[in-house]
C-alpha cells in the first residue's frame, strides 16, 4: 500500500505536530492512518474533519460520526462485534487470510484476525488493550501474541522471516528508536517460550495492507472462531468477566453514565 507522506503528516496536524511526537506516537499514527485508508478504499466522500482536535490515542468509536451506532443484539457474539463495531476491518481480515493461505496454525490465523481490532476502542498501546479484551475467552498463547506483536514489529528477525518495515524508514527516518518500554517488552518476548506466537502475527501483519486484495469477510472464519473463541452464554459484556466493561463500552460508546 502506497502512503502519501504529505497526506499522512497533514492527517496528524502537520509537520510541527509530528516534530513533538515520540517515535512510538508516530508509529501508532502511521498504522492507524494506513488502516483507515484501507477501510475507506473505494468509498468517495470520506474527507477528514478539520474540526476540533481529537486525542490521537482514542479509537474510531469515540470519533465524530454522522450516523448512530447500530444496536447490538442480545447476547452479542464476537461475529456481531465484527459486523457492527469493528467493520470493515479489512486489515485484520486480510492478515488472517494471509496467514491461512501460508498454512499457519489455526491459532495464529485467529490471532491475526483479532490483533488490531481494539484500535476502534483505543489506538495507544493497542496490543495490551487487545490482549486484555480477549484474554478470558482465548488460548493464553493468542492473547500473549496479541500483546507482544506491538513491540516485536519494530525489531527484525531475519531467521524467522521478518524484516524491519521499509515504510517506517521512509516515514520516520532511519534514526527511529522505540520507547524504552517497547525495547524492554521486545527483550522479554524474545526470550519467552511463546515468542513465535507474537512473531507470526508480525510476519502476517506487515504484508496485509493491500487495497487491491480481494474482499475477505468474517464469514470465512466462522468455524475458526467457533473452535478458538469461548463465547459466553450471557453475551459479551454481560458475563461478569474482568473485561465485561470493555465490551459494554464498545456496545454503547454514547452512554453518558
C-alpha atoms as a PDB file:
ATOM      1  CA  UNK A   1       0.000   0.000   0.000  1.00  0.00           C
ATOM      2  CA  UNK A   2       1.442   3.398  -1.012  1.00  0.00           C
ATOM      3  CA  UNK A   3       1.397   6.114   1.634  1.00  0.00           C
ATOM      4  CA  UNK A   4       1.282   9.775   0.689  1.00  0.00           C
ATOM      5  CA  UNK A   5       3.787  11.227   3.153  1.00  0.00           C
ATOM      6  CA  UNK A   6       2.335  14.731   2.917  1.00  0.00           C
ATOM      7  CA  UNK A   7      -1.199  13.482   3.441  1.00  0.00           C
ATOM      8  CA  UNK A   8      -0.103  11.408   6.427  1.00  0.00           C
ATOM      9  CA  UNK A   9       1.686  14.345   8.058  1.00  0.00           C
ATOM     10  CA  UNK A  10      -1.325  16.583   7.425  1.00  0.00           C
ATOM     11  CA  UNK A  11      -3.645  13.995   8.985  1.00  0.00           C
ATOM     12  CA  UNK A  12      -1.827  14.235  12.333  1.00  0.00           C
ATOM     13  CA  UNK A  13      -1.695  18.013  12.441  1.00  0.00           C
ATOM     14  CA  UNK A  14       1.221  18.985  10.224  1.00  0.00           C
ATOM     15  CA  UNK A  15       4.992  18.931  10.478  1.00  0.00           C
ATOM     16  CA  UNK A  16       5.023  20.853  13.758  1.00  0.00           C
ATOM     17  CA  UNK A  17       2.779  18.258  15.379  1.00  0.00           C
ATOM     18  CA  UNK A  18       4.923  15.415  14.050  1.00  0.00           C
ATOM     19  CA  UNK A  19       8.036  17.062  15.485  1.00  0.00           C
ATOM     20  CA  UNK A  20       6.535  16.939  19.002  1.00  0.00           C
ATOM     21  CA  UNK A  21       5.517  13.267  18.743  1.00  0.00           C
ATOM     22  CA  UNK A  22       7.618  10.444  20.131  1.00  0.00           C
ATOM     23  CA  UNK A  23       8.704   7.682  17.773  1.00  0.00           C
ATOM     24  CA  UNK A  24       6.055   5.410  19.292  1.00  0.00           C
ATOM     25  CA  UNK A  25       3.362   8.062  18.705  1.00  0.00           C
ATOM     26  CA  UNK A  26       4.425   8.335  15.070  1.00  0.00           C
ATOM     27  CA  UNK A  27       4.359   4.583  14.564  1.00  0.00           C
ATOM     28  CA  UNK A  28       0.892   4.276  16.092  1.00  0.00           C
ATOM     29  CA  UNK A  29      -0.347   7.199  13.999  1.00  0.00           C
ATOM     30  CA  UNK A  30       1.024   5.632  10.824  1.00  0.00           C
ATOM     31  CA  UNK A  31      -0.607   2.260  11.479  1.00  0.00           C
ATOM     32  CA  UNK A  32      -3.920   3.953  12.223  1.00  0.00           C
ATOM     33  CA  UNK A  33      -3.619   6.065   9.069  1.00  0.00           C
ATOM     34  CA  UNK A  34      -2.926   3.011   6.902  1.00  0.00           C
ATOM     35  CA  UNK A  35      -5.767   1.031   8.448  1.00  0.00           C
ATOM     36  CA  UNK A  36      -8.143   3.962   7.949  1.00  0.00           C
ATOM     37  CA  UNK A  37      -7.111   4.413   4.324  1.00  0.00           C
ATOM     38  CA  UNK A  38      -7.608   0.715   3.655  1.00  0.00           C
ATOM     39  CA  UNK A  39     -11.063   0.697   5.253  1.00  0.00           C
ATOM     40  CA  UNK A  40     -12.095   3.766   3.230  1.00  0.00           C
ATOM     41  CA  UNK A  41     -10.657   2.461  -0.059  1.00  0.00           C
ATOM     42  CA  UNK A  42     -13.165   2.893  -2.871  1.00  0.00           C
ATOM     43  CA  UNK A  43     -15.566   4.918  -0.729  1.00  0.00           C
ATOM     44  CA  UNK A  44     -15.872   8.501  -2.023  1.00  0.00           C
ATOM     45  CA  UNK A  45     -16.733  11.434   0.184  1.00  0.00           C
ATOM     46  CA  UNK A  46     -14.735  10.279   3.191  1.00  0.00           C
ATOM     47  CA  UNK A  47     -12.861  13.512   3.766  1.00  0.00           C
ATOM     48  CA  UNK A  48     -11.221  14.074   7.133  1.00  0.00           C
ATOM     49  CA  UNK A  49     -12.763  16.553   9.510  1.00  0.00           C
ATOM     50  CA  UNK A  50     -10.964  19.843  10.117  1.00  0.00           C
ATOM     51  CA  UNK A  51     -12.914  20.393  13.329  1.00  0.00           C
ATOM     52  CA  UNK A  52     -11.670  20.473  16.929  1.00  0.00           C
ATOM     53  CA  UNK A  53      -8.671  18.331  17.718  1.00  0.00           C
ATOM     54  CA  UNK A  54      -9.449  14.845  19.000  1.00  0.00           C
ATOM     55  CA  UNK A  55      -6.887  12.938  21.083  1.00  0.00           C
ATOM     56  CA  UNK A  56      -4.892  10.767  18.701  1.00  0.00           C
ATOM     57  CA  UNK A  57      -4.915   7.791  21.039  1.00  0.00           C
ATOM     58  CA  UNK A  58      -8.681   7.326  21.012  1.00  0.00           C
ATOM     59  CA  UNK A  59     -10.307   4.842  18.674  1.00  0.00           C
ATOM     60  CA  UNK A  60     -12.868   5.310  15.943  1.00  0.00           C
ATOM     61  CA  UNK A  61     -15.754   4.532  18.305  1.00  0.00           C
ATOM     62  CA  UNK A  62     -15.123   7.874  20.009  1.00  0.00           C
ATOM     63  CA  UNK A  63     -14.732   9.964  16.857  1.00  0.00           C
ATOM     64  CA  UNK A  64     -17.457  12.176  15.347  1.00  0.00           C
ATOM     65  CA  UNK A  65     -19.901  10.254  13.184  1.00  0.00           C
ATOM     66  CA  UNK A  66     -22.842  11.189  11.023  1.00  0.00           C
ATOM     67  CA  UNK A  67     -24.953   8.136  11.873  1.00  0.00           C
ATOM     68  CA  UNK A  68     -25.845   6.416  15.122  1.00  0.00           C
ATOM     69  CA  UNK A  69     -24.352   3.080  16.069  1.00  0.00           C
ATOM     70  CA  UNK A  70     -26.317   0.056  15.035  1.00  0.00           C
ATOM     71  CA  UNK A  71     -27.937  -1.597  18.060  1.00  0.00           C
ATOM     72  CA  UNK A  72     -26.246  -4.783  19.170  1.00  0.00           C
ATOM     73  CA  UNK A  73     -28.325  -7.945  19.571  1.00  0.00           C
ATOM     74  CA  UNK A  74     -28.941  -9.556  22.928  1.00  0.00           C
ATOM     75  CA  UNK A  75     -26.189 -11.986  23.920  1.00  0.00           C
ATOM     76  CA  UNK A  76     -23.834 -10.480  21.355  1.00  0.00           C
ATOM     77  CA  UNK A  77     -21.177 -12.727  19.847  1.00  0.00           C
ATOM     78  CA  UNK A  78     -17.717 -11.946  18.519  1.00  0.00           C
ATOM     79  CA  UNK A  79     -19.129 -12.069  14.986  1.00  0.00           C
ATOM     80  CA  UNK A  80     -21.719  -9.426  15.956  1.00  0.00           C
ATOM     81  CA  UNK A  81     -18.920  -7.121  17.080  1.00  0.00           C
ATOM     82  CA  UNK A  82     -17.075  -7.637  13.827  1.00  0.00           C
ATOM     83  CA  UNK A  83     -20.206  -6.798  11.835  1.00  0.00           C
ATOM     84  CA  UNK A  84     -21.439  -3.809  13.875  1.00  0.00           C
ATOM     85  CA  UNK A  85     -18.424  -2.291  15.661  1.00  0.00           C
ATOM     86  CA  UNK A  86     -15.165  -3.432  14.043  1.00  0.00           C
ATOM     87  CA  UNK A  87     -16.285  -3.337  10.392  1.00  0.00           C
ATOM     88  CA  UNK A  88     -14.989  -3.033   7.762  1.00  0.00           C
ATOM     89  CA  UNK A  89     -11.842  -4.380   9.490  1.00  0.00           C
ATOM     90  CA  UNK A  90     -10.194  -5.091   6.136  1.00  0.00           C
ATOM     91  CA  UNK A  91      -6.697  -5.081   7.564  1.00  0.00           C
ATOM     92  CA  UNK A  92      -7.231  -7.851  10.136  1.00  0.00           C
ATOM     93  CA  UNK A  93      -9.331  -9.872   7.700  1.00  0.00           C
ATOM     94  CA  UNK A  94      -6.559  -9.672   5.118  1.00  0.00           C
ATOM     95  CA  UNK A  95      -3.964 -10.513   7.759  1.00  0.00           C
ATOM     96  CA  UNK A  96      -5.856 -13.618   8.867  1.00  0.00           C
ATOM     97  CA  UNK A  97      -6.422 -14.645   5.259  1.00  0.00           C
ATOM     98  CA  UNK A  98      -2.715 -14.197   4.567  1.00  0.00           C
ATOM     99  CA  UNK A  99      -1.861 -16.470   7.500  1.00  0.00           C
ATOM    100  CA  UNK A 100      -4.422 -19.025   6.337  1.00  0.00           C
ATOM    101  CA  UNK A 101      -3.003 -19.132   2.816  1.00  0.00           C
ATOM    102  CA  UNK A 102       0.505 -19.516   4.248  1.00  0.00           C
ATOM    103  CA  UNK A 103      -0.547 -22.633   6.121  1.00  0.00           C
ATOM    104  CA  UNK A 104      -0.126 -21.111   9.577  1.00  0.00           C
ATOM    105  CA  UNK A 105      -1.632 -22.887  12.590  1.00  0.00           C
ATOM    106  CA  UNK A 106      -5.291 -22.113  13.169  1.00  0.00           C
ATOM    107  CA  UNK A 107      -4.352 -20.406  16.431  1.00  0.00           C
ATOM    108  CA  UNK A 108      -2.129 -17.971  14.522  1.00  0.00           C
ATOM    109  CA  UNK A 109      -4.833 -17.292  11.937  1.00  0.00           C
ATOM    110  CA  UNK A 110      -7.208 -16.459  14.778  1.00  0.00           C
ATOM    111  CA  UNK A 111      -4.665 -14.197  16.498  1.00  0.00           C
ATOM    112  CA  UNK A 112      -4.156 -12.329  13.215  1.00  0.00           C
ATOM    113  CA  UNK A 113      -7.921 -11.884  12.952  1.00  0.00           C
ATOM    114  CA  UNK A 114      -8.034 -10.202  16.374  1.00  0.00           C
ATOM    115  CA  UNK A 115      -4.711  -8.434  16.678  1.00  0.00           C
ATOM    116  CA  UNK A 116      -5.707  -4.854  15.736  1.00  0.00           C
ATOM    117  CA  UNK A 117      -9.475  -4.641  16.257  1.00  0.00           C
ATOM    118  CA  UNK A 118      -9.139  -2.826  19.580  1.00  0.00           C
ATOM    119  CA  UNK A 119      -7.821   0.186  17.680  1.00  0.00           C
ATOM    120  CA  UNK A 120     -11.515   1.008  17.284  1.00  0.00           C
ATOM    121  CA  UNK A 121     -11.578   1.396  21.073  1.00  0.00           C
ATOM    122  CA  UNK A 122      -8.051   2.632  21.816  1.00  0.00           C
ATOM    123  CA  UNK A 123      -5.070   3.010  19.497  1.00  0.00           C
ATOM    124  CA  UNK A 124      -2.458   3.790  22.154  1.00  0.00           C
ATOM    125  CA  UNK A 125      -0.849   0.530  23.339  1.00  0.00           C
ATOM    126  CA  UNK A 126      -3.381  -1.378  21.253  1.00  0.00           C
ATOM    127  CA  UNK A 127      -1.534  -4.673  21.759  1.00  0.00           C
ATOM    128  CA  UNK A 128      -2.066  -4.504  25.503  1.00  0.00           C
ATOM    129  CA  UNK A 129      -5.684  -3.426  25.191  1.00  0.00           C
ATOM    130  CA  UNK A 130      -6.348  -6.236  22.722  1.00  0.00           C
ATOM    131  CA  UNK A 131      -4.699  -8.879  24.882  1.00  0.00           C
ATOM    132  CA  UNK A 132      -6.730  -7.827  27.889  1.00  0.00           C
ATOM    133  CA  UNK A 133     -10.002  -7.677  25.959  1.00  0.00           C
ATOM    134  CA  UNK A 134      -9.685 -11.231  24.627  1.00  0.00           C
ATOM    135  CA  UNK A 135      -7.786 -12.920  27.448  1.00  0.00           C
ATOM    136  CA  UNK A 136     -10.771 -14.552  29.224  1.00  0.00           C
ATOM    137  CA  UNK A 137     -12.018 -16.150  26.012  1.00  0.00           C
ATOM    138  CA  UNK A 138      -8.975 -17.437  24.140  1.00  0.00           C
ATOM    139  CA  UNK A 139      -5.957 -19.688  24.466  1.00  0.00           C
ATOM    140  CA  UNK A 140      -3.331 -17.829  26.512  1.00  0.00           C
ATOM    141  CA  UNK A 141      -0.938 -18.029  23.570  1.00  0.00           C
ATOM    142  CA  UNK A 142      -3.350 -15.973  21.448  1.00  0.00           C
ATOM    143  CA  UNK A 143      -3.646 -13.134  23.972  1.00  0.00           C
ATOM    144  CA  UNK A 144       0.107 -13.258  24.639  1.00  0.00           C
ATOM    145  CA  UNK A 145       0.854 -12.959  20.932  1.00  0.00           C
ATOM    146  CA  UNK A 146      -1.520 -10.009  20.537  1.00  0.00           C
ATOM    147  CA  UNK A 147       0.111  -8.223  23.464  1.00  0.00           C
ATOM    148  CA  UNK A 148       3.678  -8.559  22.216  1.00  0.00           C
ATOM    149  CA  UNK A 149       3.155  -8.089  18.486  1.00  0.00           C
ATOM    150  CA  UNK A 150       3.045  -4.366  19.311  1.00  0.00           C
ATOM    151  CA  UNK A 151       6.704  -4.332  20.331  1.00  0.00           C
ATOM    152  CA  UNK A 152       8.065  -7.021  18.011  1.00  0.00           C
ATOM    153  CA  UNK A 153       7.010  -5.151  14.866  1.00  0.00           C
ATOM    154  CA  UNK A 154       9.875  -2.694  15.451  1.00  0.00           C
ATOM    155  CA  UNK A 155      12.596  -5.359  15.583  1.00  0.00           C
ATOM    156  CA  UNK A 156      13.687  -7.519  12.637  1.00  0.00           C
ATOM    157  CA  UNK A 157      14.218 -11.251  12.949  1.00  0.00           C
ATOM    158  CA  UNK A 158      15.645 -12.458   9.677  1.00  0.00           C
ATOM    159  CA  UNK A 159      15.814 -16.086  10.818  1.00  0.00           C
ATOM    160  CA  UNK A 160      12.068 -16.012  11.379  1.00  0.00           C
ATOM    161  CA  UNK A 161      11.473 -14.223   8.074  1.00  0.00           C
ATOM    162  CA  UNK A 162      10.640 -10.776   9.413  1.00  0.00           C
ATOM    163  CA  UNK A 163      12.378  -7.677   8.066  1.00  0.00           C
ATOM    164  CA  UNK A 164      12.085  -4.212   9.540  1.00  0.00           C
ATOM    165  CA  UNK A 165       9.338  -2.413   7.566  1.00  0.00           C
ATOM    166  CA  UNK A 166      10.905  -0.127   4.980  1.00  0.00           C
ATOM    167  CA  UNK A 167       7.868   2.117   5.296  1.00  0.00           C
ATOM    168  CA  UNK A 168       8.946   3.052   8.828  1.00  0.00           C
ATOM    169  CA  UNK A 169      12.275   4.267   7.432  1.00  0.00           C
ATOM    170  CA  UNK A 170      10.527   6.313   4.760  1.00  0.00           C
ATOM    171  CA  UNK A 171       8.081   7.934   7.150  1.00  0.00           C
ATOM    172  CA  UNK A 172      10.111   8.326  10.356  1.00  0.00           C
ATOM    173  CA  UNK A 173      13.704   8.196   9.155  1.00  0.00           C
ATOM    174  CA  UNK A 174      16.430   5.660   9.775  1.00  0.00           C
ATOM    175  CA  UNK A 175      17.144   7.004  13.272  1.00  0.00           C
ATOM    176  CA  UNK A 176      13.910   5.625  14.724  1.00  0.00           C
ATOM    177  CA  UNK A 177      14.282   4.293  18.263  1.00  0.00           C
ATOM    178  CA  UNK A 178      11.312   2.705  20.061  1.00  0.00           C
ATOM    179  CA  UNK A 179      10.484   3.924  23.555  1.00  0.00           C
ATOM    180  CA  UNK A 180      12.323   2.116  26.365  1.00  0.00           C
ATOM    181  CA  UNK A 181       9.251   0.132  27.463  1.00  0.00           C
ATOM    182  CA  UNK A 182       8.874  -1.161  23.900  1.00  0.00           C
ATOM    183  CA  UNK A 183      12.504  -2.274  23.897  1.00  0.00           C
ATOM    184  CA  UNK A 184      12.003  -3.978  27.269  1.00  0.00           C
ATOM    185  CA  UNK A 185       8.891  -5.736  26.007  1.00  0.00           C
ATOM    186  CA  UNK A 186      10.783  -6.980  22.960  1.00  0.00           C
ATOM    187  CA  UNK A 187      13.637  -8.301  25.094  1.00  0.00           C
ATOM    188  CA  UNK A 188      11.185 -10.118  27.340  1.00  0.00           C
ATOM    189  CA  UNK A 189       9.269 -11.600  24.415  1.00  0.00           C
ATOM    190  CA  UNK A 190      12.416 -12.600  22.539  1.00  0.00           C
ATOM    191  CA  UNK A 191      13.406 -14.929  25.375  1.00  0.00           C
ATOM    192  CA  UNK A 192       9.927 -16.269  26.078  1.00  0.00           C
ATOM    193  CA  UNK A 193       8.680 -19.725  25.093  1.00  0.00           C
ATOM    194  CA  UNK A 194       5.730 -18.086  23.291  1.00  0.00           C
ATOM    195  CA  UNK A 195       7.935 -15.807  21.190  1.00  0.00           C
ATOM    196  CA  UNK A 196       6.770 -17.178  17.831  1.00  0.00           C
ATOM    197  CA  UNK A 197       3.114 -16.636  18.760  1.00  0.00           C
ATOM    198  CA  UNK A 198       3.719 -12.877  18.512  1.00  0.00           C
ATOM    199  CA  UNK A 199       6.338 -13.016  15.786  1.00  0.00           C
ATOM    200  CA  UNK A 200       3.992 -14.861  13.432  1.00  0.00           C
ATOM    201  CA  UNK A 201       1.442 -12.068  13.849  1.00  0.00           C
ATOM    202  CA  UNK A 202       4.010  -9.514  12.699  1.00  0.00           C
ATOM    203  CA  UNK A 203       5.040 -11.690   9.764  1.00  0.00           C
ATOM    204  CA  UNK A 204       1.459 -11.853   8.526  1.00  0.00           C
ATOM    205  CA  UNK A 205       0.672  -8.293   9.565  1.00  0.00           C
ATOM    206  CA  UNK A 206       3.041  -6.088   7.603  1.00  0.00           C
ATOM    207  CA  UNK A 207       2.183  -7.532   4.206  1.00  0.00           C
ATOM    208  CA  UNK A 208      -1.576  -7.259   4.659  1.00  0.00           C
ATOM    209  CA  UNK A 209      -2.098  -3.575   3.739  1.00  0.00           C
ATOM    210  CA  UNK A 210      -3.302  -4.241   0.208  1.00  0.00           C
ATOM    211  CA  UNK A 211      -6.186  -2.119  -1.129  1.00  0.00           C
ATOM    212  CA  UNK A 212      -6.339  -4.256  -4.262  1.00  0.00           C
ATOM    213  CA  UNK A 213      -6.718  -7.589  -2.499  1.00  0.00           C
ATOM    214  CA  UNK A 214      -9.960  -9.479  -2.924  1.00  0.00           C
ATOM    215  CA  UNK A 215     -12.661  -8.843  -0.353  1.00  0.00           C
ATOM    216  CA  UNK A 216     -12.430 -11.057   2.717  1.00  0.00           C
ATOM    217  CA  UNK A 217     -15.422 -11.466   5.054  1.00  0.00           C
ATOM    218  CA  UNK A 218     -15.765 -12.576   8.642  1.00  0.00           C
ATOM    219  CA  UNK A 219     -17.972 -15.449   7.442  1.00  0.00           C
ATOM    220  CA  UNK A 220     -14.861 -17.180   6.098  1.00  0.00           C
ATOM    221  CA  UNK A 221     -13.570 -17.550   9.658  1.00  0.00           C
ATOM    222  CA  UNK A 222     -16.802 -18.654  11.335  1.00  0.00           C
ATOM    223  CA  UNK A 223     -15.581 -22.195  12.031  1.00  0.00           C
ATOM    224  CA  UNK A 224     -12.231 -20.965  13.354  1.00  0.00           C
ATOM    225  CA  UNK A 225     -13.978 -18.548  15.693  1.00  0.00           C
ATOM    226  CA  UNK A 226     -16.207 -21.371  16.915  1.00  0.00           C
ATOM    227  CA  UNK A 227     -13.191 -23.507  17.801  1.00  0.00           C
ATOM    228  CA  UNK A 228     -10.915 -20.772  19.144  1.00  0.00           C
ATOM    229  CA  UNK A 229     -13.247 -18.385  20.992  1.00  0.00           C
ATOM    230  CA  UNK A 230     -15.123 -19.232  24.208  1.00  0.00           C
ATOM    231  CA  UNK A 231     -18.371 -17.393  23.620  1.00  0.00           C
ATOM    232  CA  UNK A 232     -20.146 -16.628  26.941  1.00  0.00           C
ATOM    233  CA  UNK A 233     -23.778 -17.715  27.106  1.00  0.00           C
ATOM    234  CA  UNK A 234     -24.794 -14.347  28.556  1.00  0.00           C
ATOM    235  CA  UNK A 235     -23.252 -12.483  25.640  1.00  0.00           C
ATOM    236  CA  UNK A 236     -20.057 -10.453  25.598  1.00  0.00           C
ATOM    237  CA  UNK A 237     -20.306  -7.618  28.085  1.00  0.00           C
ATOM    238  CA  UNK A 238     -22.725  -9.348  30.444  1.00  0.00           C
ATOM    239  CA  UNK A 239     -20.858 -12.445  31.626  1.00  0.00           C
ATOM    240  CA  UNK A 240     -19.255 -10.887  34.706  1.00  0.00           C
ATOM    241  CA  UNK A 241     -15.713 -11.281  33.342  1.00  0.00           C
ATOM    242  CA  UNK A 242     -12.968  -8.807  34.369  1.00  0.00           C
ATOM    243  CA  UNK A 243     -13.244  -7.207  30.913  1.00  0.00           C
ATOM    244  CA  UNK A 244     -17.040  -7.137  30.527  1.00  0.00           C
ATOM    245  CA  UNK A 245     -16.983  -3.344  30.947  1.00  0.00           C
ATOM    246  CA  UNK A 246     -14.721  -3.027  27.910  1.00  0.00           C
ATOM    247  CA  UNK A 247     -17.188  -4.935  25.757  1.00  0.00           C
ATOM    248  CA  UNK A 248     -20.061  -2.817  27.099  1.00  0.00           C
ATOM    249  CA  UNK A 249     -18.118   0.340  26.170  1.00  0.00           C
ATOM    250  CA  UNK A 250     -17.840  -0.974  22.625  1.00  0.00           C
ATOM    251  CA  UNK A 251     -21.538  -1.857  22.570  1.00  0.00           C
ATOM    252  CA  UNK A 252     -22.586   1.654  23.586  1.00  0.00           C
ATOM    253  CA  UNK A 253     -19.848   4.310  23.316  1.00  0.00           C
ATOM    254  CA  UNK A 254     -22.554   7.013  23.590  1.00  0.00           C
ATOM    255  CA  UNK A 255     -23.670   6.029  27.096  1.00  0.00           C
ATOM    256  CA  UNK A 256     -23.071   9.069  29.346  1.00  0.00           C
ATOM    257  CA  UNK A 257     -23.114   7.248  32.698  1.00  0.00           C
END
